[in-house]
């Protein structure tokens, strides 16, 4: 999902599906809504995703679905719905001081490596995480501790994908990159 500002008081919310087969990859816009921008980014997301998933599963009952969204959608209601309905998710997670503290060592290692090589350096870490009050349980968080152009660039995602399915490095370097690339390609066509 992505939010793009259309005007000062409206936003367009899109749900993009990334469909893959052995011979091709394509992104298809499944929903778009014009609405006021002064509401939470995830408002109405559960209902829209439920509608889309129901339609997909009507044709392909056993299809595996991975929902990729920005941090504005990393909300309890949407994650709980996904977990209860066999929909995997990969959501950005907004940086905060508690999360940043979890990767201080990895960020220091990345800084030393970057300074020694004069190139960007990354370290990855995963851990179980919960918010102080808005999530009902702990979930898997994957962090990218990156030092680039003389600055820290930490990033976080929350996911339902298990470590057995994809390790932290692959999750960031393959899945996140592919999701962003396909989404950007679709928006610029």
N, C-alpha and C. Protein backbone atom coordinates (compact mmCIF):
# COMPACT_ATOMS: atom_id res chain seq x y z
N UNK A 1 0.84 -1.17 0.00
CA UNK A 1 0.00 0.00 0.00
C UNK A 1 0.88 1.22 0.00
N UNK A 2 0.36 2.25 -0.52
CA UNK A 2 1.12 3.50 -0.54
C UNK A 2 0.17 4.66 -0.37
N UNK A 3 0.67 5.70 0.20
CA UNK A 3 -0.11 6.93 0.33
C UNK A 3 0.59 7.98 -0.50
N UNK A 4 -0.14 8.62 -1.36
CA UNK A 4 0.40 9.75 -2.12
C UNK A 4 -0.52 10.93 -1.90
N UNK A 5 0.03 12.05 -1.59
CA UNK A 5 -0.79 13.24 -1.37
C UNK A 5 -1.28 13.77 -2.71
N UNK A 6 -2.59 13.91 -2.83
CA UNK A 6 -3.18 14.43 -4.06
C UNK A 6 -3.45 15.92 -3.94
N UNK A 7 -3.75 16.38 -2.75
CA UNK A 7 -3.98 17.79 -2.47
C UNK A 7 -3.82 17.95 -0.97
N UNK A 8 -3.95 19.15 -0.47
CA UNK A 8 -3.71 19.37 0.95
C UNK A 8 -4.69 18.62 1.84
N UNK A 9 -5.87 18.31 1.35
CA UNK A 9 -6.83 17.63 2.21
C UNK A 9 -7.29 16.28 1.67
N UNK A 10 -6.60 15.74 0.68
CA UNK A 10 -6.96 14.43 0.16
C UNK A 10 -5.72 13.57 0.00
N UNK A 11 -5.92 12.29 -0.02
CA UNK A 11 -4.83 11.35 -0.25
C UNK A 11 -5.39 10.18 -1.06
N UNK A 12 -4.55 9.59 -1.85
CA UNK A 12 -4.94 8.40 -2.61
C UNK A 12 -4.28 7.21 -1.93
N UNK A 13 -5.07 6.22 -1.56
CA UNK A 13 -4.55 5.00 -0.98
C UNK A 13 -4.67 3.91 -2.03
N UNK A 14 -3.57 3.24 -2.31
CA UNK A 14 -3.62 2.15 -3.28
C UNK A 14 -3.15 0.87 -2.66
N UNK A 15 -3.73 -0.23 -3.05
CA UNK A 15 -3.25 -1.55 -2.67
C UNK A 15 -2.66 -2.16 -3.93
N UNK A 16 -1.41 -2.51 -3.88
CA UNK A 16 -0.75 -3.08 -5.04
C UNK A 16 -0.45 -4.54 -4.78
N UNK A 17 -0.84 -5.38 -5.69
CA UNK A 17 -0.52 -6.80 -5.57
C UNK A 17 0.68 -7.09 -6.44
N UNK A 18 1.58 -7.86 -5.91
CA UNK A 18 2.73 -8.28 -6.70
C UNK A 18 2.51 -9.76 -6.99
N UNK A 19 2.22 -10.05 -8.24
CA UNK A 19 1.90 -11.40 -8.66
C UNK A 19 3.11 -11.98 -9.36
N UNK A 20 3.55 -13.12 -8.92
CA UNK A 20 4.74 -13.73 -9.51
C UNK A 20 4.41 -15.13 -10.03
N UNK A 21 5.00 -15.46 -11.14
CA UNK A 21 4.95 -16.82 -11.65
C UNK A 21 6.37 -17.18 -12.04
N UNK A 22 6.57 -18.35 -12.59
CA UNK A 22 7.92 -18.75 -12.95
C UNK A 22 8.45 -17.97 -14.14
N UNK A 23 7.58 -17.34 -14.90
CA UNK A 23 8.05 -16.66 -16.10
C UNK A 23 7.92 -15.14 -16.07
N UNK A 24 7.20 -14.59 -15.12
CA UNK A 24 7.06 -13.13 -15.14
C UNK A 24 6.72 -12.59 -13.77
N UNK A 25 6.83 -11.29 -13.64
CA UNK A 25 6.42 -10.59 -12.43
C UNK A 25 5.63 -9.37 -12.87
N UNK A 26 4.53 -9.10 -12.20
CA UNK A 26 3.70 -7.96 -12.56
C UNK A 26 3.07 -7.39 -11.31
N UNK A 27 2.80 -6.12 -11.33
CA UNK A 27 2.09 -5.47 -10.23
C UNK A 27 0.77 -4.95 -10.76
N UNK A 28 -0.27 -5.15 -10.01
CA UNK A 28 -1.60 -4.73 -10.43
C UNK A 28 -2.25 -3.93 -9.32
N UNK A 29 -2.79 -2.77 -9.64
CA UNK A 29 -3.51 -1.98 -8.65
C UNK A 29 -4.85 -2.66 -8.43
N UNK A 30 -5.14 -3.00 -7.19
CA UNK A 30 -6.37 -3.68 -6.85
C UNK A 30 -7.42 -2.76 -6.24
N UNK A 31 -6.99 -1.64 -5.69
CA UNK A 31 -7.93 -0.69 -5.10
C UNK A 31 -7.28 0.68 -5.03
N UNK A 32 -8.09 1.70 -5.20
CA UNK A 32 -7.62 3.08 -5.03
C UNK A 32 -8.80 3.89 -4.51
N UNK A 33 -8.54 4.71 -3.52
CA UNK A 33 -9.61 5.53 -2.95
C UNK A 33 -9.10 6.95 -2.77
N UNK A 34 -9.92 7.90 -3.13
CA UNK A 34 -9.63 9.30 -2.87
C UNK A 34 -10.38 9.67 -1.60
N UNK A 35 -9.63 10.18 -0.62
CA UNK A 35 -10.26 10.50 0.66
C UNK A 35 -9.50 11.61 1.34
N UNK A 36 -10.04 12.13 2.42
CA UNK A 36 -9.38 13.19 3.17
C UNK A 36 -8.06 12.69 3.73
N UNK A 37 -7.08 13.58 3.80
CA UNK A 37 -5.75 13.22 4.29
C UNK A 37 -5.61 13.40 5.79
N UNK A 38 -6.62 13.89 6.45
CA UNK A 38 -6.49 14.14 7.88
C UNK A 38 -6.97 12.96 8.73
N UNK A 39 -6.96 11.75 8.15
CA UNK A 39 -7.30 10.55 8.91
C UNK A 39 -6.09 9.62 8.89
N UNK A 40 -6.08 8.64 9.77
CA UNK A 40 -4.98 7.68 9.85
C UNK A 40 -4.81 6.96 8.52
N UNK A 41 -3.57 6.74 8.13
CA UNK A 41 -3.27 6.10 6.85
C UNK A 41 -3.95 4.74 6.72
N UNK A 42 -4.11 4.04 7.82
CA UNK A 42 -4.66 2.69 7.75
C UNK A 42 -6.18 2.64 7.89
N UNK A 43 -6.83 3.76 8.04
CA UNK A 43 -8.29 3.77 8.20
C UNK A 43 -8.96 3.07 7.03
N UNK A 44 -9.76 2.08 7.32
CA UNK A 44 -10.48 1.32 6.30
C UNK A 44 -9.66 0.22 5.65
N UNK A 45 -8.40 0.06 6.04
CA UNK A 45 -7.53 -0.93 5.39
C UNK A 45 -8.01 -2.36 5.62
N UNK A 46 -8.45 -2.67 6.84
CA UNK A 46 -8.89 -4.04 7.11
C UNK A 46 -10.05 -4.41 6.20
N UNK A 47 -11.01 -3.53 6.07
CA UNK A 47 -12.17 -3.82 5.22
C UNK A 47 -11.77 -3.98 3.75
N UNK A 48 -10.90 -3.11 3.26
CA UNK A 48 -10.45 -3.20 1.87
C UNK A 48 -9.66 -4.48 1.62
N UNK A 49 -8.74 -4.79 2.52
CA UNK A 49 -7.93 -6.01 2.35
C UNK A 49 -8.81 -7.24 2.46
N UNK A 50 -9.77 -7.25 3.37
CA UNK A 50 -10.69 -8.38 3.50
C UNK A 50 -11.46 -8.59 2.19
N UNK A 51 -11.91 -7.51 1.60
CA UNK A 51 -12.65 -7.60 0.34
C UNK A 51 -11.77 -8.15 -0.77
N UNK A 52 -10.56 -7.63 -0.88
CA UNK A 52 -9.64 -8.07 -1.93
C UNK A 52 -9.24 -9.54 -1.73
N UNK A 53 -8.90 -9.90 -0.51
CA UNK A 53 -8.50 -11.28 -0.22
C UNK A 53 -9.64 -12.24 -0.52
N UNK A 54 -10.86 -11.87 -0.16
CA UNK A 54 -12.02 -12.73 -0.45
C UNK A 54 -12.16 -12.97 -1.95
N UNK A 55 -11.97 -11.93 -2.73
CA UNK A 55 -12.09 -12.08 -4.19
C UNK A 55 -10.96 -12.94 -4.75
N UNK A 56 -9.75 -12.74 -4.25
CA UNK A 56 -8.63 -13.58 -4.70
C UNK A 56 -8.85 -15.04 -4.33
N UNK A 57 -9.27 -15.26 -3.11
CA UNK A 57 -9.45 -16.64 -2.65
C UNK A 57 -10.67 -17.32 -3.28
N UNK A 58 -11.61 -16.53 -3.80
CA UNK A 58 -12.74 -17.14 -4.50
C UNK A 58 -12.25 -17.87 -5.75
N UNK A 59 -11.23 -17.32 -6.39
CA UNK A 59 -10.67 -17.95 -7.59
C UNK A 59 -9.52 -18.89 -7.26
N UNK A 60 -8.72 -18.53 -6.26
CA UNK A 60 -7.54 -19.32 -5.89
C UNK A 60 -7.56 -19.55 -4.38
N UNK A 61 -8.31 -20.54 -3.91
CA UNK A 61 -8.51 -20.72 -2.47
C UNK A 61 -7.22 -20.96 -1.67
N UNK A 62 -6.23 -21.53 -2.29
CA UNK A 62 -5.01 -21.85 -1.55
C UNK A 62 -3.84 -20.93 -1.85
N UNK A 63 -4.11 -19.82 -2.51
CA UNK A 63 -3.04 -18.90 -2.87
C UNK A 63 -2.42 -18.30 -1.61
N UNK A 64 -1.10 -18.13 -1.64
CA UNK A 64 -0.41 -17.48 -0.53
C UNK A 64 -0.33 -15.99 -0.84
N UNK A 65 -0.72 -15.17 0.11
CA UNK A 65 -0.76 -13.73 -0.08
C UNK A 65 0.22 -13.07 0.87
N UNK A 66 1.04 -12.16 0.33
CA UNK A 66 1.96 -11.36 1.12
C UNK A 66 1.58 -9.90 0.92
N UNK A 67 1.17 -9.25 1.99
CA UNK A 67 0.77 -7.86 1.95
C UNK A 67 1.96 -7.00 2.37
N UNK A 68 2.38 -6.10 1.51
CA UNK A 68 3.50 -5.20 1.78
C UNK A 68 2.94 -3.79 1.92
N UNK A 69 3.27 -3.14 3.04
CA UNK A 69 2.75 -1.79 3.26
C UNK A 69 3.76 -0.96 4.06
N UNK A 70 3.60 0.33 3.97
CA UNK A 70 4.46 1.25 4.71
C UNK A 70 4.09 1.26 6.19
N UNK A 71 4.86 1.99 6.98
CA UNK A 71 4.70 1.97 8.43
C UNK A 71 3.34 2.47 8.91
N UNK A 72 2.67 3.26 8.12
CA UNK A 72 1.34 3.74 8.51
C UNK A 72 0.32 2.63 8.63
N UNK A 73 0.65 1.44 8.13
CA UNK A 73 -0.27 0.32 8.16
C UNK A 73 0.11 -0.74 9.19
N UNK A 74 1.20 -0.53 9.93
CA UNK A 74 1.65 -1.49 10.95
C UNK A 74 0.80 -1.30 12.20
N UNK A 75 -0.46 -1.61 12.08
CA UNK A 75 -1.43 -1.41 13.15
C UNK A 75 -1.96 -2.77 13.62
N UNK A 76 -2.31 -2.84 14.88
CA UNK A 76 -2.80 -4.08 15.48
C UNK A 76 -3.96 -4.68 14.68
N UNK A 77 -4.93 -3.88 14.34
CA UNK A 77 -6.12 -4.42 13.67
C UNK A 77 -5.77 -5.11 12.36
N UNK A 78 -4.91 -4.51 11.56
CA UNK A 78 -4.55 -5.09 10.27
C UNK A 78 -3.66 -6.32 10.45
N UNK A 79 -2.67 -6.25 11.35
CA UNK A 79 -1.81 -7.41 11.56
C UNK A 79 -2.60 -8.59 12.13
N UNK A 80 -3.47 -8.33 13.09
CA UNK A 80 -4.29 -9.40 13.68
C UNK A 80 -5.21 -10.01 12.63
N UNK A 81 -5.80 -9.17 11.78
CA UNK A 81 -6.65 -9.69 10.72
C UNK A 81 -5.84 -10.60 9.79
N UNK A 82 -4.68 -10.14 9.39
CA UNK A 82 -3.82 -10.94 8.51
C UNK A 82 -3.48 -12.29 9.15
N UNK A 83 -3.09 -12.26 10.40
CA UNK A 83 -2.71 -13.49 11.11
C UNK A 83 -3.89 -14.46 11.21
N UNK A 84 -5.08 -13.95 11.37
CA UNK A 84 -6.27 -14.79 11.50
C UNK A 84 -6.78 -15.30 10.16
N UNK A 85 -6.30 -14.71 9.05
CA UNK A 85 -6.84 -15.04 7.74
C UNK A 85 -5.80 -15.54 6.73
N UNK A 86 -4.71 -16.10 7.23
CA UNK A 86 -3.66 -16.69 6.38
C UNK A 86 -3.11 -15.70 5.35
N UNK A 87 -2.91 -14.47 5.76
CA UNK A 87 -2.30 -13.46 4.90
C UNK A 87 -1.00 -13.03 5.58
N UNK A 88 0.11 -13.27 4.90
CA UNK A 88 1.39 -12.83 5.44
C UNK A 88 1.54 -11.33 5.21
N UNK A 89 2.35 -10.71 6.04
CA UNK A 89 2.54 -9.26 5.89
C UNK A 89 4.01 -8.90 6.09
N UNK A 90 4.36 -7.78 5.49
CA UNK A 90 5.68 -7.18 5.61
C UNK A 90 5.46 -5.67 5.61
N UNK A 91 5.47 -5.09 6.81
CA UNK A 91 5.16 -3.67 6.96
C UNK A 91 6.37 -2.91 7.46
N UNK A 92 6.58 -1.73 6.91
CA UNK A 92 7.59 -0.85 7.47
C UNK A 92 7.21 -0.54 8.91
N UNK A 93 8.19 -0.18 9.70
CA UNK A 93 7.94 0.14 11.10
C UNK A 93 8.67 1.42 11.42
N UNK A 94 7.96 2.41 11.87
CA UNK A 94 8.54 3.73 12.14
C UNK A 94 9.60 3.63 13.24
N UNK A 95 10.71 4.29 13.01
CA UNK A 95 11.81 4.31 13.97
C UNK A 95 11.37 5.07 15.23
N UNK A 96 11.82 4.58 16.36
CA UNK A 96 11.60 5.26 17.63
C UNK A 96 12.80 4.97 18.53
N UNK A 97 12.96 5.69 19.63
CA UNK A 97 14.15 5.49 20.47
C UNK A 97 14.32 4.06 21.00
N UNK A 98 13.22 3.39 21.33
CA UNK A 98 13.31 2.00 21.82
C UNK A 98 13.83 1.07 20.73
N UNK A 99 13.34 1.23 19.52
CA UNK A 99 13.83 0.40 18.42
C UNK A 99 15.29 0.71 18.11
N UNK A 100 15.61 1.99 18.05
CA UNK A 100 16.99 2.39 17.74
C UNK A 100 17.96 1.82 18.76
N UNK A 101 17.57 1.77 20.02
CA UNK A 101 18.44 1.22 21.07
C UNK A 101 18.72 -0.27 20.85
N UNK A 102 17.79 -0.96 20.21
CA UNK A 102 17.96 -2.40 19.97
C UNK A 102 19.09 -2.70 18.98
N UNK A 103 19.46 -1.71 18.16
CA UNK A 103 20.50 -1.96 17.15
C UNK A 103 21.72 -1.06 17.30
N UNK A 104 21.94 -0.54 18.49
CA UNK A 104 23.11 0.33 18.70
C UNK A 104 24.41 -0.37 18.33
N UNK A 105 24.60 -1.62 18.76
CA UNK A 105 25.84 -2.34 18.46
C UNK A 105 26.01 -2.58 16.96
N UNK A 106 24.94 -2.98 16.29
CA UNK A 106 25.01 -3.24 14.84
C UNK A 106 25.29 -1.95 14.09
N UNK A 107 24.72 -0.87 14.53
CA UNK A 107 24.96 0.42 13.88
C UNK A 107 26.42 0.86 14.08
N UNK A 108 26.96 0.62 15.26
CA UNK A 108 28.37 0.94 15.52
C UNK A 108 29.29 0.09 14.63
N UNK A 109 28.95 -1.19 14.47
CA UNK A 109 29.74 -2.07 13.59
C UNK A 109 29.67 -1.58 12.15
N UNK A 110 28.48 -1.20 11.70
CA UNK A 110 28.32 -0.70 10.34
C UNK A 110 29.10 0.58 10.13
N UNK A 111 29.11 1.45 11.12
CA UNK A 111 29.87 2.70 11.02
C UNK A 111 31.36 2.41 10.87
N UNK A 112 31.90 1.51 11.70
CA UNK A 112 33.33 1.17 11.60
C UNK A 112 33.66 0.56 10.24
N UNK A 113 32.81 -0.33 9.76
CA UNK A 113 33.04 -0.97 8.47
C UNK A 113 32.97 0.05 7.33
N UNK A 114 32.02 0.97 7.41
CA UNK A 114 31.88 1.99 6.38
C UNK A 114 33.08 2.93 6.37
N UNK A 115 33.51 3.33 7.54
CA UNK A 115 34.67 4.23 7.61
C UNK A 115 35.94 3.55 7.10
N UNK A 116 36.08 2.26 7.37
CA UNK A 116 37.26 1.52 6.91
C UNK A 116 37.25 1.32 5.40
N UNK A 117 36.08 1.06 4.83
CA UNK A 117 35.98 0.77 3.40
C UNK A 117 35.62 1.97 2.55
N UNK A 118 35.14 3.05 3.20
CA UNK A 118 34.63 4.23 2.52
C UNK A 118 33.45 3.89 1.60
N UNK A 119 32.70 2.86 1.98
CA UNK A 119 31.50 2.44 1.26
C UNK A 119 30.38 2.23 2.28
N UNK A 120 29.13 2.25 1.83
CA UNK A 120 28.04 1.97 2.76
C UNK A 120 28.20 0.58 3.38
N UNK A 121 27.79 0.44 4.60
CA UNK A 121 27.85 -0.86 5.30
C UNK A 121 26.54 -1.10 6.01
N UNK A 122 26.15 -2.38 6.05
CA UNK A 122 24.89 -2.77 6.67
C UNK A 122 25.09 -3.95 7.60
N UNK A 123 24.32 -3.95 8.65
CA UNK A 123 24.23 -5.09 9.54
C UNK A 123 22.74 -5.33 9.75
N UNK A 124 22.39 -6.58 9.98
CA UNK A 124 20.98 -6.93 10.15
C UNK A 124 20.78 -7.60 11.50
N UNK A 125 19.61 -7.38 12.06
CA UNK A 125 19.27 -8.00 13.33
C UNK A 125 17.77 -8.23 13.35
N UNK A 126 17.38 -9.32 13.97
CA UNK A 126 15.95 -9.56 14.16
C UNK A 126 15.69 -9.86 15.62
N UNK A 127 14.48 -9.55 16.06
CA UNK A 127 14.13 -9.74 17.45
C UNK A 127 12.61 -9.72 17.57
N UNK A 128 12.13 -10.26 18.68
CA UNK A 128 10.70 -10.18 18.98
C UNK A 128 10.45 -8.82 19.61
N UNK A 129 9.33 -8.22 19.24
CA UNK A 129 9.06 -6.84 19.65
C UNK A 129 7.57 -6.64 19.87
N UNK A 130 7.26 -5.78 20.78
CA UNK A 130 5.90 -5.31 20.93
C UNK A 130 5.93 -3.84 21.30
N UNK A 131 4.89 -3.15 20.98
CA UNK A 131 4.78 -1.75 21.37
C UNK A 131 4.43 -1.70 22.86
N UNK A 132 4.52 -0.51 23.43
CA UNK A 132 4.19 -0.38 24.85
C UNK A 132 2.71 -0.60 25.12
N UNK A 133 1.84 -0.22 24.14
CA UNK A 133 0.41 -0.35 24.43
C UNK A 133 -0.49 -0.67 23.25
N UNK A 134 -0.02 -0.61 22.02
CA UNK A 134 -0.96 -0.76 20.91
C UNK A 134 -0.99 -2.15 20.26
N UNK A 135 0.03 -2.96 20.44
CA UNK A 135 -0.01 -4.32 19.89
C UNK A 135 -0.42 -5.30 20.97
N UNK A 136 -1.12 -6.35 20.57
CA UNK A 136 -1.59 -7.35 21.52
C UNK A 136 -0.54 -8.37 21.90
N UNK A 137 0.51 -8.47 21.10
CA UNK A 137 1.53 -9.50 21.34
C UNK A 137 2.84 -9.13 20.67
N UNK A 138 3.87 -9.95 20.94
CA UNK A 138 5.15 -9.73 20.29
C UNK A 138 5.10 -10.24 18.85
N UNK A 139 5.85 -9.56 17.99
CA UNK A 139 5.94 -9.95 16.59
C UNK A 139 7.40 -9.86 16.14
N UNK A 140 7.70 -10.51 15.03
CA UNK A 140 9.07 -10.50 14.49
C UNK A 140 9.37 -9.15 13.84
N UNK A 141 10.44 -8.53 14.30
CA UNK A 141 10.92 -7.28 13.72
C UNK A 141 12.31 -7.55 13.16
N UNK A 142 12.56 -7.03 11.97
CA UNK A 142 13.86 -7.13 11.33
C UNK A 142 14.38 -5.71 11.15
N UNK A 143 15.63 -5.51 11.56
CA UNK A 143 16.25 -4.19 11.49
C UNK A 143 17.42 -4.21 10.51
N UNK A 144 17.55 -3.12 9.80
CA UNK A 144 18.73 -2.89 8.96
C UNK A 144 19.48 -1.72 9.59
N UNK A 145 20.67 -2.01 10.11
CA UNK A 145 21.52 -0.96 10.68
C UNK A 145 22.50 -0.58 9.58
N UNK A 146 22.26 0.54 8.95
CA UNK A 146 23.06 0.95 7.79
C UNK A 146 23.78 2.26 8.10
N UNK A 147 25.04 2.33 7.65
CA UNK A 147 25.81 3.57 7.73
C UNK A 147 26.18 3.91 6.30
N UNK A 148 25.73 5.06 5.83
CA UNK A 148 25.98 5.44 4.44
C UNK A 148 26.17 6.95 4.36
N UNK A 149 27.10 7.36 3.54
CA UNK A 149 27.41 8.78 3.32
C UNK A 149 27.66 9.51 4.65
N UNK A 150 28.35 8.82 5.58
CA UNK A 150 28.69 9.42 6.85
C UNK A 150 27.56 9.55 7.84
N UNK A 151 26.43 8.89 7.58
CA UNK A 151 25.27 9.00 8.47
C UNK A 151 24.63 7.65 8.73
N UNK A 152 23.98 7.56 9.87
CA UNK A 152 23.19 6.38 10.21
C UNK A 152 21.90 6.39 9.40
N UNK A 153 21.48 5.22 8.95
CA UNK A 153 20.23 5.08 8.22
C UNK A 153 19.53 3.80 8.69
N UNK A 154 19.08 3.76 9.95
CA UNK A 154 18.42 2.54 10.45
C UNK A 154 17.01 2.41 9.89
N UNK A 155 16.62 1.17 9.59
CA UNK A 155 15.27 0.89 9.08
C UNK A 155 14.73 -0.36 9.78
N UNK A 156 13.40 -0.42 9.88
CA UNK A 156 12.77 -1.53 10.58
C UNK A 156 11.53 -1.99 9.81
N UNK A 157 11.26 -3.30 9.90
CA UNK A 157 10.02 -3.87 9.38
C UNK A 157 9.48 -4.86 10.40
N UNK A 158 8.17 -5.04 10.37
CA UNK A 158 7.52 -6.08 11.16
C UNK A 158 6.91 -7.05 10.15
N UNK A 159 7.04 -8.34 10.44
CA UNK A 159 6.59 -9.33 9.47
C UNK A 159 6.02 -10.57 10.14
N UNK A 160 5.16 -11.25 9.41
CA UNK A 160 4.65 -12.55 9.85
C UNK A 160 5.49 -13.68 9.27
N UNK A 161 6.39 -13.37 8.36
CA UNK A 161 7.24 -14.39 7.77
C UNK A 161 8.22 -14.91 8.81
N UNK A 162 8.40 -16.21 8.86
CA UNK A 162 9.28 -16.79 9.86
C UNK A 162 10.73 -16.74 9.41
N UNK A 163 11.63 -16.90 10.37
CA UNK A 163 13.05 -16.92 10.07
C UNK A 163 13.38 -18.11 9.17
N UNK A 164 12.67 -19.21 9.32
CA UNK A 164 12.90 -20.38 8.47
C UNK A 164 12.57 -20.08 7.01
N UNK A 165 11.60 -19.21 6.78
CA UNK A 165 11.23 -18.85 5.42
C UNK A 165 12.21 -17.88 4.79
N UNK A 166 12.66 -16.91 5.57
CA UNK A 166 13.57 -15.90 5.05
C UNK A 166 14.35 -15.26 6.20
N UNK A 167 15.66 -15.27 6.08
CA UNK A 167 16.46 -14.65 7.13
C UNK A 167 16.43 -13.13 6.98
N UNK A 168 16.99 -12.45 7.95
CA UNK A 168 16.91 -10.99 8.01
C UNK A 168 17.52 -10.32 6.79
N UNK A 169 18.69 -10.75 6.37
CA UNK A 169 19.37 -10.13 5.22
C UNK A 169 18.55 -10.30 3.95
N UNK A 170 18.09 -11.51 3.69
CA UNK A 170 17.30 -11.76 2.47
C UNK A 170 15.99 -10.97 2.50
N UNK A 171 15.38 -10.91 3.68
CA UNK A 171 14.12 -10.17 3.80
C UNK A 171 14.31 -8.73 3.35
N UNK A 172 15.39 -8.11 3.79
CA UNK A 172 15.63 -6.71 3.42
C UNK A 172 16.14 -6.56 2.00
N UNK A 173 17.10 -7.37 1.63
CA UNK A 173 17.75 -7.15 0.35
C UNK A 173 16.96 -7.69 -0.83
N UNK A 174 16.12 -8.66 -0.61
CA UNK A 174 15.35 -9.24 -1.72
C UNK A 174 13.88 -8.83 -1.67
N UNK A 175 13.19 -9.18 -0.61
CA UNK A 175 11.74 -8.95 -0.56
C UNK A 175 11.38 -7.47 -0.52
N UNK A 176 12.04 -6.71 0.36
CA UNK A 176 11.72 -5.28 0.44
C UNK A 176 12.10 -4.56 -0.85
N UNK A 177 13.25 -4.88 -1.38
CA UNK A 177 13.70 -4.24 -2.61
C UNK A 177 12.77 -4.56 -3.77
N UNK A 178 12.37 -5.83 -3.89
CA UNK A 178 11.47 -6.23 -4.97
C UNK A 178 10.11 -5.56 -4.82
N UNK A 179 9.61 -5.49 -3.60
CA UNK A 179 8.31 -4.85 -3.38
C UNK A 179 8.37 -3.38 -3.74
N UNK A 180 9.43 -2.69 -3.33
CA UNK A 180 9.56 -1.27 -3.66
C UNK A 180 9.71 -1.06 -5.16
N UNK A 181 10.56 -1.87 -5.80
CA UNK A 181 10.82 -1.72 -7.23
C UNK A 181 9.53 -1.93 -8.03
N UNK A 182 8.79 -2.99 -7.74
CA UNK A 182 7.55 -3.26 -8.47
C UNK A 182 6.52 -2.18 -8.21
N UNK A 183 6.46 -1.68 -6.99
CA UNK A 183 5.49 -0.63 -6.68
C UNK A 183 5.86 0.66 -7.42
N UNK A 184 7.12 1.01 -7.42
CA UNK A 184 7.55 2.22 -8.12
C UNK A 184 7.32 2.09 -9.62
N UNK A 185 7.64 0.91 -10.17
CA UNK A 185 7.42 0.71 -11.61
C UNK A 185 5.94 0.90 -11.95
N UNK A 186 5.07 0.35 -11.11
CA UNK A 186 3.64 0.44 -11.37
C UNK A 186 3.15 1.89 -11.30
N UNK A 187 3.66 2.64 -10.34
CA UNK A 187 3.21 4.02 -10.19
C UNK A 187 3.72 4.92 -11.31
N UNK A 188 4.82 4.53 -11.97
CA UNK A 188 5.41 5.41 -12.99
C UNK A 188 5.04 4.99 -14.41
N UNK A 189 4.30 3.96 -14.60
CA UNK A 189 3.91 3.55 -15.97
C UNK A 189 2.86 4.44 -16.53
